[in-house]
Amino acid sequence: MSSIHILGIDLGKHCFHAVAHSHSGKETLRRKYNRSQLLQFLVKLESTTIAFEACGGAHWLARKCVEFGHQVRLIPPQYVKPYVKGNKNDFIDASAIAEDAQVIAATHRVRDGYIKERTACMSRIGAILLEFGLSFPKGHAKMKVLFQWLADQNQPLPQSLINKLTSIHDHYSYLNEKVKTQDKKLHCISENNKNARLLKTVPGIGDLVATLCIADVSSANNFSNGRDMAAWLGLVPRQFSTGGKTKLLGMSKRGNKHLRTLFVHGARAVLSRLETTGKVFGECLINLRATKPFNVAVVALANKLARIAWAVLYHRQAFKAV
């Protein structure tokens, strides 16, 4: 069943209700299994993402799913209920579990697509102007006042070129609005999710990191400690061992690339405001910034933020500065 993008399972003692969605969100399967039938189905199923409620028997099934080559997402019980439509039943529960993570991940994917397209528009405008001897400054601030900047250059340009630039710039503005729309959706999701609100108490973690953590991490119980979560994100050093000696290299960059990137961006934002936002981390962060290159300090702080995020999710308590 290659059409399955995500499979939601409602766990029972003897019966298991499964609902599958395709990449477009269309329901492609709705079936009831006993324990042995479910295992037979999962063995034959092509590698996919399987989500179910973190309850009794969940970890046993999670190990089986991983053994069969699937990716597992455990969702806390309190976050299944808000997505249930109409009256409760087991199939609706399974569908809600699959839909929860899928909607958040899809929103992030759509937003990333708009951002890539917007960056391409900016690069296209810069390349065109360079052909006419104009080096356009980087950044959205200048892009938003493109034509004022062109007027200030006092360099005549063909009207046909101005028309082309106007068309591209209009598309850039359109993409800006689309990105803002996705940001509003993610903000709404984070405000209505208790764990996301707790995560946002950590400096450097905003709507993007919080919502993607909810979708991809699901439950802190998936990791034994914060370092395991940081390793899953690829934020721990690679190791090279020879002759009984171990040498630590750069970060491994293995695991969840998208979430790792967001944690790094969050850390960079904190270090850029060391005297305000960064002061909650104490003298250790100031010393790190003073003794290490900026990018090294950013990755070290991203690792720390990932560990703090795990602790916040595990203990379900807001971050408190030391």
Protein backbone atom coordinates (compact mmCIF):
# COMPACT_ATOMS: atom_id res chain seq x y z
CA MET A 1 0.00 0.00 0.00
CA SER A 2 2.37 2.71 -1.24
CA SER A 3 -0.46 5.28 -1.11
CA ILE A 4 -0.21 5.40 2.70
CA HIS A 5 1.62 8.49 3.96
CA ILE A 6 0.69 8.23 7.64
CA LEU A 7 -1.12 5.51 9.57
CA GLY A 8 -3.02 6.22 12.79
CA ILE A 9 -3.79 3.34 15.16
CA ASP A 10 -6.16 3.34 18.12
CA LEU A 11 -4.81 0.77 20.58
CA GLY A 12 -6.96 -1.69 22.47
CA LYS A 13 -6.35 -4.81 24.52
CA HIS A 14 -7.48 -7.19 21.78
CA CYS A 15 -8.66 -4.97 18.90
CA PHE A 16 -6.77 -2.29 16.96
CA HIS A 17 -8.46 0.25 14.72
CA ALA A 18 -6.30 1.63 11.89
CA VAL A 19 -6.94 4.60 9.63
CA ALA A 20 -4.48 5.64 6.89
CA HIS A 21 -4.13 8.92 5.01
CA SER A 22 -2.43 9.60 1.69
CA HIS A 23 -0.07 12.54 1.00
CA SER A 24 -3.08 14.63 0.00
CA GLY A 25 -4.84 13.87 3.30
CA LYS A 26 -7.38 11.50 1.74
CA GLU A 27 -8.37 8.48 3.80
CA THR A 28 -7.06 5.34 2.08
CA LEU A 29 -7.70 2.66 4.72
CA ARG A 30 -10.08 2.05 7.61
CA ARG A 31 -9.85 -1.40 9.16
CA LYS A 32 -10.09 -3.34 12.42
CA TYR A 33 -7.43 -5.92 13.36
CA ASN A 34 -6.72 -8.31 16.19
CA ARG A 35 -3.15 -8.36 17.54
CA SER A 36 -1.76 -11.02 15.20
CA GLN A 37 -3.52 -9.56 12.14
CA LEU A 38 -2.08 -6.12 12.90
CA LEU A 39 1.48 -7.46 13.09
CA GLN A 40 1.02 -9.32 9.80
CA PHE A 41 -0.28 -6.13 8.19
CA LEU A 42 2.61 -4.02 9.51
CA VAL A 43 5.23 -6.53 8.34
CA LYS A 44 3.96 -6.32 4.76
CA LEU A 45 3.37 -2.55 4.80
CA GLU A 46 5.96 -0.39 3.05
CA SER A 47 7.98 1.90 5.31
CA THR A 48 5.78 4.77 6.52
CA THR A 49 4.99 6.93 9.56
CA ILE A 50 2.76 5.32 12.19
CA ALA A 51 1.17 7.38 14.97
CA PHE A 52 -0.72 6.22 18.04
CA GLU A 53 -1.58 7.33 21.53
CA ALA A 54 1.09 6.94 24.22
CA CYS A 55 -0.75 4.50 26.47
CA GLY A 56 -0.48 0.93 27.76
CA GLY A 57 1.16 -1.32 25.16
CA ALA A 58 2.29 1.63 23.05
CA HIS A 59 6.01 1.07 23.56
CA TRP A 60 5.73 -2.62 22.70
CA LEU A 61 4.00 -1.76 19.43
CA ALA A 62 6.48 1.05 18.79
CA ARG A 63 9.38 -1.40 19.03
CA LYS A 64 7.63 -3.76 16.64
CA CYS A 65 6.97 -0.95 14.14
CA VAL A 66 10.63 0.13 14.25
CA GLU A 67 11.68 -3.49 13.80
CA PHE A 68 9.53 -3.60 10.65
CA GLY A 69 11.20 -0.45 9.29
CA HIS A 70 8.53 2.16 10.12
CA GLN A 71 8.82 5.55 11.81
CA VAL A 72 6.83 5.91 15.03
CA ARG A 73 5.16 8.99 16.52
CA LEU A 74 3.67 8.66 20.02
CA ILE A 75 1.08 11.33 20.84
CA PRO A 76 0.09 12.26 24.42
CA PRO A 77 -3.59 11.34 25.09
CA GLN A 78 -4.67 14.92 25.85
CA TYR A 79 -3.69 16.01 22.33
CA VAL A 80 -5.83 13.42 20.58
CA LYS A 81 -9.18 14.69 21.90
CA PRO A 82 -9.13 18.19 20.35
CA TYR A 83 -8.84 16.68 16.87
CA VAL A 84 -11.74 14.23 17.22
CA LYS A 85 -14.67 15.24 15.02
CA GLY A 86 -18.19 14.45 16.22
CA ASN A 87 -18.92 11.55 18.53
CA LYS A 88 -16.09 9.43 19.88
CA ASN A 89 -15.29 6.03 18.48
CA ASP A 90 -12.08 4.10 17.90
CA PHE A 91 -11.85 4.82 14.17
CA ILE A 92 -12.30 8.55 14.80
CA ASP A 93 -9.54 8.42 17.43
CA ALA A 94 -7.16 6.75 14.96
CA SER A 95 -8.01 9.29 12.27
CA ALA A 96 -7.46 12.19 14.68
CA ILE A 97 -4.02 10.89 15.68
CA ALA A 98 -2.94 10.61 12.05
CA GLU A 99 -4.36 14.02 11.19
CA ASP A 100 -2.72 15.90 14.09
CA ALA A 101 0.91 15.38 13.15
CA GLN A 102 0.09 15.47 9.45
CA VAL A 103 -1.53 18.91 9.55
CA ILE A 104 1.37 20.47 11.48
CA ALA A 105 3.99 18.86 9.23
CA ALA A 106 2.08 19.91 6.11
CA THR A 107 1.87 23.51 7.31
CA HIS A 108 5.64 23.58 7.84
CA ARG A 109 6.23 21.99 4.44
CA VAL A 110 4.02 24.55 2.67
CA ARG A 111 5.73 27.42 4.50
CA ASP A 112 9.18 26.13 3.53
CA GLY A 113 8.07 25.92 -0.09
CA TYR A 114 6.95 29.55 -0.10
CA ILE A 115 10.21 30.66 1.52
CA LYS A 116 12.33 28.85 -1.07
CA GLU A 117 10.29 30.37 -3.88
CA ARG A 118 10.58 33.84 -2.30
CA THR A 119 14.36 33.46 -2.00
CA ALA A 120 14.49 32.47 -5.66
CA CYS A 121 12.58 35.67 -6.57
CA MET A 122 15.07 37.80 -4.64
CA SER A 123 18.03 36.06 -6.30
CA ARG A 124 16.43 36.49 -9.71
CA ILE A 125 16.00 40.24 -9.21
CA GLY A 126 19.59 40.59 -7.98
CA ALA A 127 20.96 38.66 -10.97
CA ILE A 128 18.98 40.75 -13.47
CA LEU A 129 20.16 44.04 -11.98
CA LEU A 130 23.76 42.83 -11.90
CA GLU A 131 23.59 42.45 -15.69
CA PHE A 132 22.90 46.19 -15.85
CA GLY A 133 25.75 47.12 -13.51
CA LEU A 134 23.70 47.44 -10.33
CA SER A 135 24.64 45.47 -7.20
CA PHE A 136 21.44 45.16 -5.23
CA PRO A 137 21.89 44.91 -1.39
CA LYS A 138 20.81 41.73 0.38
CA GLY A 139 17.83 41.49 2.72
CA HIS A 140 14.08 41.96 2.78
CA ALA A 141 14.30 45.57 3.96
CA LYS A 142 15.81 46.67 0.64
CA MET A 143 13.71 44.29 -1.44
CA LYS A 144 10.51 45.84 -0.12
CA VAL A 145 11.64 49.29 -1.36
CA LEU A 146 13.20 48.02 -4.59
CA PHE A 147 11.90 50.73 -6.87
CA GLN A 148 12.80 53.54 -4.48
CA TRP A 149 16.32 52.12 -4.38
CA LEU A 150 16.43 52.03 -8.20
CA ALA A 151 15.31 55.66 -8.34
CA ASP A 152 18.09 56.65 -5.94
CA GLN A 153 20.71 55.10 -8.26
CA ASN A 154 19.98 57.66 -11.03
CA GLN A 155 20.71 55.07 -13.68
CA PRO A 156 18.26 54.86 -16.61
CA LEU A 157 16.84 51.39 -17.24
CA PRO A 158 14.69 50.17 -20.15
CA GLN A 159 10.95 50.31 -19.46
CA SER A 160 10.62 46.66 -20.51
CA LEU A 161 13.09 45.75 -17.75
CA ILE A 162 11.12 47.79 -15.19
CA ASN A 163 7.98 45.88 -16.24
CA LYS A 164 9.71 42.54 -15.71
CA LEU A 165 11.04 43.62 -12.32
CA THR A 166 7.55 44.79 -11.34
CA SER A 167 6.09 41.39 -12.22
CA ILE A 168 8.74 39.51 -10.21
CA HIS A 169 8.44 41.92 -7.27
CA ASP A 170 4.65 41.49 -7.22
CA HIS A 171 5.18 37.73 -6.96
CA TYR A 172 7.69 38.33 -4.15
CA SER A 173 5.08 40.39 -2.25
CA TYR A 174 2.48 37.67 -2.85
CA LEU A 175 4.81 35.04 -1.39
CA ASN A 176 5.47 37.28 1.62
CA GLU A 177 1.74 37.26 2.37
CA LYS A 178 1.58 33.48 1.96
CA VAL A 179 4.43 33.00 4.45
CA LYS A 180 2.64 35.28 6.93
CA THR A 181 -0.53 33.20 6.53
CA GLN A 182 1.33 29.99 7.40
CA ASP A 183 2.98 31.75 10.36
CA LYS A 184 -0.46 32.71 11.68
CA LYS A 185 -1.63 29.10 11.37
CA LEU A 186 1.38 27.82 13.31
CA HIS A 187 0.90 30.50 15.94
CA CYS A 188 -2.72 29.42 16.37
CA ILE A 189 -1.65 25.78 16.73
CA SER A 190 0.99 26.64 19.33
CA GLU A 191 -1.40 28.81 21.35
CA ASN A 192 -3.92 25.97 21.56
CA ASN A 193 -1.40 23.31 22.56
CA LYS A 194 -0.24 23.14 26.18
CA ASN A 195 3.12 21.53 25.41
CA ALA A 196 3.83 24.09 22.70
CA ARG A 197 3.10 26.91 25.13
CA LEU A 198 5.50 25.36 27.63
CA LEU A 199 8.21 25.04 24.98
CA LYS A 200 7.85 28.71 24.06
CA THR A 201 8.92 29.68 27.58
CA VAL A 202 12.45 28.67 26.52
CA PRO A 203 14.41 31.59 24.99
CA GLY A 204 15.11 30.80 21.34
CA ILE A 205 12.03 28.59 20.90
CA GLY A 206 9.07 30.16 19.14
CA ASP A 207 6.07 28.97 17.17
CA LEU A 208 8.12 27.17 14.50
CA VAL A 209 10.29 25.08 16.84
CA ALA A 210 7.44 24.41 19.28
CA THR A 211 4.97 23.15 16.68
CA LEU A 212 7.51 21.00 14.84
CA CYS A 213 8.58 19.47 18.17
CA ILE A 214 4.96 18.55 18.85
CA ALA A 215 4.65 16.95 15.41
CA ASP A 216 8.03 15.18 15.20
CA VAL A 217 8.97 14.44 18.81
CA SER A 218 5.41 13.68 19.96
CA SER A 219 6.46 12.50 23.43
CA ALA A 220 9.59 13.05 25.50
CA ASN A 221 9.25 9.40 26.56
CA ASN A 222 10.60 8.48 23.12
CA PHE A 223 14.05 9.46 24.49
CA SER A 224 15.71 8.37 27.71
CA ASN A 225 17.27 11.80 28.28
CA GLY A 226 17.94 15.16 26.68
CA ARG A 227 21.21 14.06 25.12
CA ASP A 228 19.43 11.29 23.23
CA MET A 229 17.07 13.85 21.75
CA ALA A 230 19.99 16.12 20.83
CA ALA A 231 21.70 13.14 19.18
CA TRP A 232 18.49 12.34 17.26
CA LEU A 233 18.58 15.92 15.96
CA GLY A 234 22.23 15.60 14.91
CA LEU A 235 23.44 18.23 17.40
CA VAL A 236 26.11 16.12 19.13
CA PRO A 237 29.76 15.84 17.98
CA ARG A 238 30.87 13.12 15.62
CA GLN A 239 33.49 10.80 17.09
CA PHE A 240 36.61 9.35 15.47
CA SER A 241 38.38 6.61 17.40
CA THR A 242 41.79 5.16 16.63
CA GLY A 243 44.43 3.53 18.82
CA GLY A 244 42.14 3.66 21.81
CA LYS A 245 41.84 7.45 21.57
CA THR A 246 38.60 9.24 20.76
CA LYS A 247 38.58 12.55 18.93
CA LEU A 248 35.47 14.75 18.84
CA LEU A 249 34.70 16.37 15.49
CA GLY A 250 31.96 18.69 14.27
CA MET A 251 28.27 18.00 14.85
CA SER A 252 26.98 14.77 13.33
CA LYS A 253 24.16 16.36 11.26
CA ARG A 254 22.32 13.06 11.43
CA GLY A 255 18.63 12.81 12.12
CA ASN A 256 15.86 15.37 11.81
CA LYS A 257 17.35 18.05 9.54
CA HIS A 258 14.38 20.43 9.57
CA LEU A 259 14.01 20.55 13.34
CA ARG A 260 17.78 20.76 13.82
CA THR A 261 17.89 23.78 11.50
CA LEU A 262 15.17 25.53 13.49
CA PHE A 263 16.99 24.91 16.79
CA VAL A 264 20.17 26.38 15.27
CA HIS A 265 18.27 29.46 14.06
CA GLY A 266 16.80 29.86 17.55
CA ALA A 267 20.24 29.63 19.12
CA ARG A 268 21.59 32.19 16.67
CA ALA A 269 18.81 34.60 17.63
CA VAL A 270 19.66 34.22 21.34
CA LEU A 271 23.40 34.78 20.78
CA SER A 272 22.64 37.86 18.69
CA ARG A 273 20.96 39.34 21.78
CA LEU A 274 23.40 38.14 24.38
CA GLU A 275 22.84 41.02 26.81
CA THR A 276 19.04 40.67 26.82
CA THR A 277 17.61 37.32 25.75
CA GLY A 278 20.85 35.43 26.37
CA LYS A 279 21.38 36.61 29.93
CA VAL A 280 18.94 34.01 31.31
CA PHE A 281 21.55 31.33 30.57
CA GLY A 282 24.06 32.97 32.90
CA GLU A 283 27.80 33.52 32.64
CA CYS A 284 28.44 30.21 30.88
CA LEU A 285 26.93 31.52 27.65
CA ILE A 286 28.90 34.77 27.85
CA ASN A 287 32.12 32.81 28.41
CA LEU A 288 31.27 30.46 25.54
CA ARG A 289 30.76 33.39 23.19
CA ALA A 290 34.01 35.00 24.34
CA THR A 291 36.16 31.89 23.86
CA LYS A 292 34.61 30.18 20.82
CA PRO A 293 33.82 31.25 17.25
CA PHE A 294 30.24 32.44 16.76
CA ASN A 295 29.04 29.38 14.78
CA VAL A 296 30.59 26.96 17.28
CA ALA A 297 28.79 28.76 20.09
CA VAL A 298 25.54 28.65 18.12
CA VAL A 299 25.67 24.87 17.73
CA ALA A 300 26.58 24.40 21.40
CA LEU A 301 23.60 26.52 22.42
CA ALA A 302 21.31 24.67 19.98
CA ASN A 303 22.35 21.44 21.69
CA LYS A 304 21.51 22.99 25.06
CA LEU A 305 18.13 24.24 23.80
CA ALA A 306 17.25 20.73 22.55
CA ARG A 307 18.08 19.25 25.98
CA ILE A 308 16.03 21.93 27.73
CA ALA A 309 13.13 21.27 25.32
CA TRP A 310 13.24 17.58 26.24
CA ALA A 311 13.19 18.42 29.96
CA VAL A 312 10.23 20.80 29.48
CA LEU A 313 8.28 18.13 27.61
CA TYR A 314 9.25 15.35 30.01
CA HIS A 315 8.42 17.22 33.24
CA ARG A 316 5.67 19.33 31.64
CA GLN A 317 6.93 22.43 33.37
CA ALA A 318 7.78 25.84 31.97
CA PHE A 319 11.44 26.85 31.65
CA LYS A 320 12.84 28.72 34.64
CA ALA A 321 16.04 30.74 34.42
CA VAL A 322 18.78 29.80 36.89
